[in-house]
Amino acid sequence: MGGTDLAPERQIAGVLLIAPMFIFAVGGILFTGRAIWKWPIGQTPVYLRWERSFVVTALIVNVLGLVILEGLLSAAGDTIIARLALVSYLMSAVVVLVAEMSYLHNRDWAYPQIVLHVVIAFLSQAAFGAALLQTGLVASWVGWVTIVWNVAWLVVLAIASPSNMYFPALHHVAPLFIGISLLIRA
């Protein structure tokens, strides 16, 4: 398959990997209004549903982008790493989706599920970085940044914030760089 044959897939993957950061930004602003600035409207159940819906939608779009990225990596010669990364990221997404829905229902976080998601998501994205390095699908620095970003944040959160490791925005940064790189090279 020639490089031009993959151009539409690269563009779709790029957009789907960039979009979650912007979708999440809305949820992040809503979270800040509710939890930090204590907006009166932020204390309503409808507001919370909107907030968490943006967080969950960003995660789902991120998963869709990673599915297409796995296909691109497979076509570029990676036969194992990206597939394992995708399957493990899908598992972490299911775990955190259950935790998010549970939180909407009873307003209590299932913290072990959150930690499981955070650990698996960071390691999965680091594995995507390794697959990027192996295939040369994007510039090698993108693969290195993906690996370093995910491993570093996993270590930092485990040491500095073990009682609150859930910062969903961190899981959208590496895909943002990958998506931009895919669009530039498309």
Protein backbone atom coordinates (compact mmCIF):
# COMPACT_ATOMS: atom_id res chain seq x y z
CA MET A 1 0.00 0.00 0.00
CA GLY A 2 1.45 3.37 -0.97
CA GLY A 3 1.61 6.38 1.33
CA THR A 4 -1.07 8.22 -0.64
CA ASP A 5 -3.46 5.29 -0.17
CA LEU A 6 -3.44 6.02 3.58
CA ALA A 7 -3.92 9.79 3.32
CA PRO A 8 -7.68 9.80 4.11
CA GLU A 9 -7.16 7.48 7.07
CA ARG A 10 -4.31 9.67 8.34
CA GLN A 11 -6.53 12.74 8.11
CA ILE A 12 -9.46 11.07 9.87
CA ALA A 13 -7.20 9.68 12.59
CA GLY A 14 -5.57 13.10 12.96
CA VAL A 15 -8.88 14.87 13.43
CA LEU A 16 -10.18 12.20 15.82
CA LEU A 17 -7.00 12.43 17.91
CA ILE A 18 -7.00 16.25 18.04
CA ALA A 19 -10.72 16.74 18.72
CA PRO A 20 -10.81 15.15 22.21
CA MET A 21 -8.66 17.92 23.69
CA PHE A 22 -11.18 20.52 22.55
CA ILE A 23 -14.17 18.43 23.60
CA PHE A 24 -12.58 17.83 26.98
CA ALA A 25 -11.84 21.55 27.36
CA VAL A 26 -15.59 22.19 27.58
CA GLY A 27 -15.96 19.51 30.25
CA GLY A 28 -12.91 20.89 32.03
CA ILE A 29 -14.38 24.38 32.13
CA LEU A 30 -17.66 22.98 33.44
CA PHE A 31 -15.75 20.99 36.09
CA THR A 32 -13.84 24.11 37.14
CA GLY A 33 -17.09 26.06 37.43
CA ARG A 34 -18.69 23.35 39.55
CA ALA A 35 -15.84 22.11 41.74
CA ILE A 36 -13.53 25.12 42.10
CA TRP A 37 -15.51 28.29 41.43
CA LYS A 38 -18.69 26.80 42.98
CA TRP A 39 -21.09 28.19 40.40
CA PRO A 40 -24.64 27.86 41.75
CA ILE A 41 -25.85 26.23 38.52
CA GLY A 42 -22.92 23.82 38.79
CA GLN A 43 -24.52 22.16 41.77
CA THR A 44 -27.50 20.85 39.75
CA PRO A 45 -27.76 17.25 38.47
CA VAL A 46 -28.30 18.42 34.87
CA TYR A 47 -25.11 20.50 34.97
CA LEU A 48 -23.14 17.49 36.28
CA ARG A 49 -24.52 15.30 33.49
CA TRP A 50 -23.42 17.85 30.88
CA GLU A 51 -19.97 18.14 32.47
CA ARG A 52 -19.33 14.39 32.64
CA SER A 53 -20.85 13.92 29.14
CA PHE A 54 -18.14 16.12 27.64
CA VAL A 55 -15.46 14.19 29.56
CA VAL A 56 -16.85 10.85 28.38
CA THR A 57 -17.36 12.05 24.79
CA ALA A 58 -13.72 13.14 24.64
CA LEU A 59 -12.68 9.68 25.80
CA ILE A 60 -14.86 7.96 23.20
CA VAL A 61 -13.56 10.14 20.35
CA ASN A 62 -10.02 9.46 21.56
CA VAL A 63 -10.72 5.71 21.38
CA LEU A 64 -12.04 6.08 17.82
CA GLY A 65 -8.88 7.92 16.81
CA LEU A 66 -6.69 5.25 18.40
CA VAL A 67 -8.61 2.53 16.53
CA ILE A 68 -7.74 4.17 13.21
CA LEU A 69 -4.17 4.84 14.40
CA GLU A 70 -3.79 1.13 15.16
CA GLY A 71 -4.83 0.34 11.60
CA LEU A 72 -2.31 2.83 10.24
CA LEU A 73 0.43 1.37 12.41
CA SER A 74 -0.51 -2.14 11.30
CA ALA A 75 -0.33 -1.06 7.64
CA ALA A 76 3.05 0.54 8.36
CA GLY A 77 4.45 -2.75 9.64
CA ASP A 78 3.64 -2.97 13.35
CA THR A 79 1.97 -6.31 13.93
CA ILE A 80 1.78 -6.54 17.72
CA ILE A 81 2.48 -3.45 19.84
CA ALA A 82 -0.27 -1.17 18.53
CA ARG A 83 -2.88 -3.92 18.71
CA LEU A 84 -1.97 -4.67 22.34
CA ALA A 85 -1.98 -0.94 23.09
CA LEU A 86 -5.42 -0.55 21.53
CA VAL A 87 -6.96 -3.50 23.34
CA SER A 88 -5.58 -2.37 26.70
CA TYR A 89 -6.74 1.21 26.09
CA LEU A 90 -10.20 -0.07 25.21
CA MET A 91 -10.27 -2.01 28.50
CA SER A 92 -9.25 1.09 30.44
CA ALA A 93 -11.91 3.12 28.64
CA VAL A 94 -14.61 0.64 29.64
CA VAL A 95 -13.41 0.72 33.24
CA VAL A 96 -13.53 4.51 33.45
CA LEU A 97 -16.87 4.70 31.63
CA VAL A 98 -18.35 2.44 34.30
CA ALA A 99 -16.75 4.61 37.00
CA GLU A 100 -18.11 7.80 35.39
CA MET A 101 -21.64 6.40 35.12
CA SER A 102 -21.46 5.16 38.70
CA TYR A 103 -20.39 8.63 39.80
CA LEU A 104 -23.38 10.18 38.03
CA HIS A 105 -25.64 7.74 39.84
CA ASN A 106 -24.33 7.90 43.42
CA ARG A 107 -21.87 10.87 43.44
CA ASP A 108 -19.09 8.64 44.74
CA TRP A 109 -15.97 7.70 42.75
CA ALA A 110 -14.99 4.05 42.51
CA TYR A 111 -11.37 4.98 43.10
CA PRO A 112 -9.78 1.56 42.41
CA GLN A 113 -11.41 1.65 38.96
CA ILE A 114 -10.05 5.15 38.38
CA VAL A 115 -6.52 4.07 39.32
CA LEU A 116 -6.78 1.02 37.06
CA HIS A 117 -7.87 3.24 34.18
CA VAL A 118 -5.10 5.76 34.75
CA VAL A 119 -2.36 3.12 34.90
CA ILE A 120 -3.58 1.16 31.88
CA ALA A 121 -4.30 4.29 29.81
CA PHE A 122 -0.83 5.75 30.39
CA LEU A 123 0.91 2.45 29.65
CA SER A 124 -1.24 1.89 26.55
CA GLN A 125 -0.43 5.30 25.15
CA ALA A 126 3.27 4.75 25.89
CA ALA A 127 2.99 1.52 23.88
CA PHE A 128 1.47 3.49 21.00
CA GLY A 129 4.56 5.71 21.21
CA ALA A 130 6.77 2.63 20.87
CA ALA A 131 4.77 1.50 17.84
CA LEU A 132 5.17 4.95 16.31
CA LEU A 133 8.94 4.69 16.78
CA GLN A 134 9.00 1.22 15.27
CA THR A 135 7.08 2.18 12.12
CA GLY A 136 8.18 5.72 11.35
CA LEU A 137 4.55 6.65 10.65
CA VAL A 138 5.25 10.08 12.15
CA ALA A 139 8.41 11.92 13.16
CA SER A 140 10.35 9.95 15.76
CA TRP A 141 10.16 12.77 18.29
CA VAL A 142 6.38 12.25 18.45
CA GLY A 143 6.91 8.65 19.50
CA TRP A 144 9.44 9.70 22.12
CA VAL A 145 7.22 12.49 23.46
CA THR A 146 4.33 10.03 23.68
CA ILE A 147 6.40 7.54 25.67
CA VAL A 148 8.00 10.10 27.98
CA TRP A 149 4.77 12.04 28.58
CA ASN A 150 2.82 8.95 29.60
CA VAL A 151 5.47 7.24 31.70
CA ALA A 152 6.46 10.50 33.42
CA TRP A 153 2.89 11.41 34.35
CA LEU A 154 2.20 7.91 35.61
CA VAL A 155 5.21 8.14 37.92
CA VAL A 156 4.51 11.75 38.98
CA LEU A 157 0.86 11.05 39.82
CA ALA A 158 1.68 7.86 41.69
CA ILE A 159 4.20 9.71 43.85
CA ALA A 160 2.77 13.22 44.16
CA SER A 161 -0.97 12.56 44.05
CA PRO A 162 -1.75 8.92 44.87
CA SER A 163 -5.11 9.82 46.42
CA ASN A 164 -6.26 11.63 43.25
CA MET A 165 -4.71 10.35 40.04
CA TYR A 166 -7.65 11.20 37.77
CA PHE A 167 -6.74 14.12 35.55
CA PRO A 168 -8.39 13.13 32.24
CA ALA A 169 -6.86 15.98 30.26
CA LEU A 170 -3.47 14.30 30.58
CA HIS A 171 -4.72 11.41 28.44
CA HIS A 172 -5.51 13.74 25.54
CA VAL A 173 -2.12 15.45 25.19
CA ALA A 174 -0.14 12.68 23.49
CA PRO A 175 -3.00 11.91 21.06
CA LEU A 176 -3.10 15.65 20.27
CA PHE A 177 0.58 15.59 19.23
CA ILE A 178 0.10 12.38 17.28
CA GLY A 179 -2.97 13.80 15.53
CA ILE A 180 -1.22 17.02 14.55
CA SER A 181 1.73 15.04 13.26
CA LEU A 182 -0.56 12.79 11.21
CA LEU A 183 -2.24 15.82 9.63
CA ILE A 184 1.06 17.49 8.83
CA ARG A 185 2.35 14.36 7.09
CA ALA A 186 -0.95 13.44 5.41
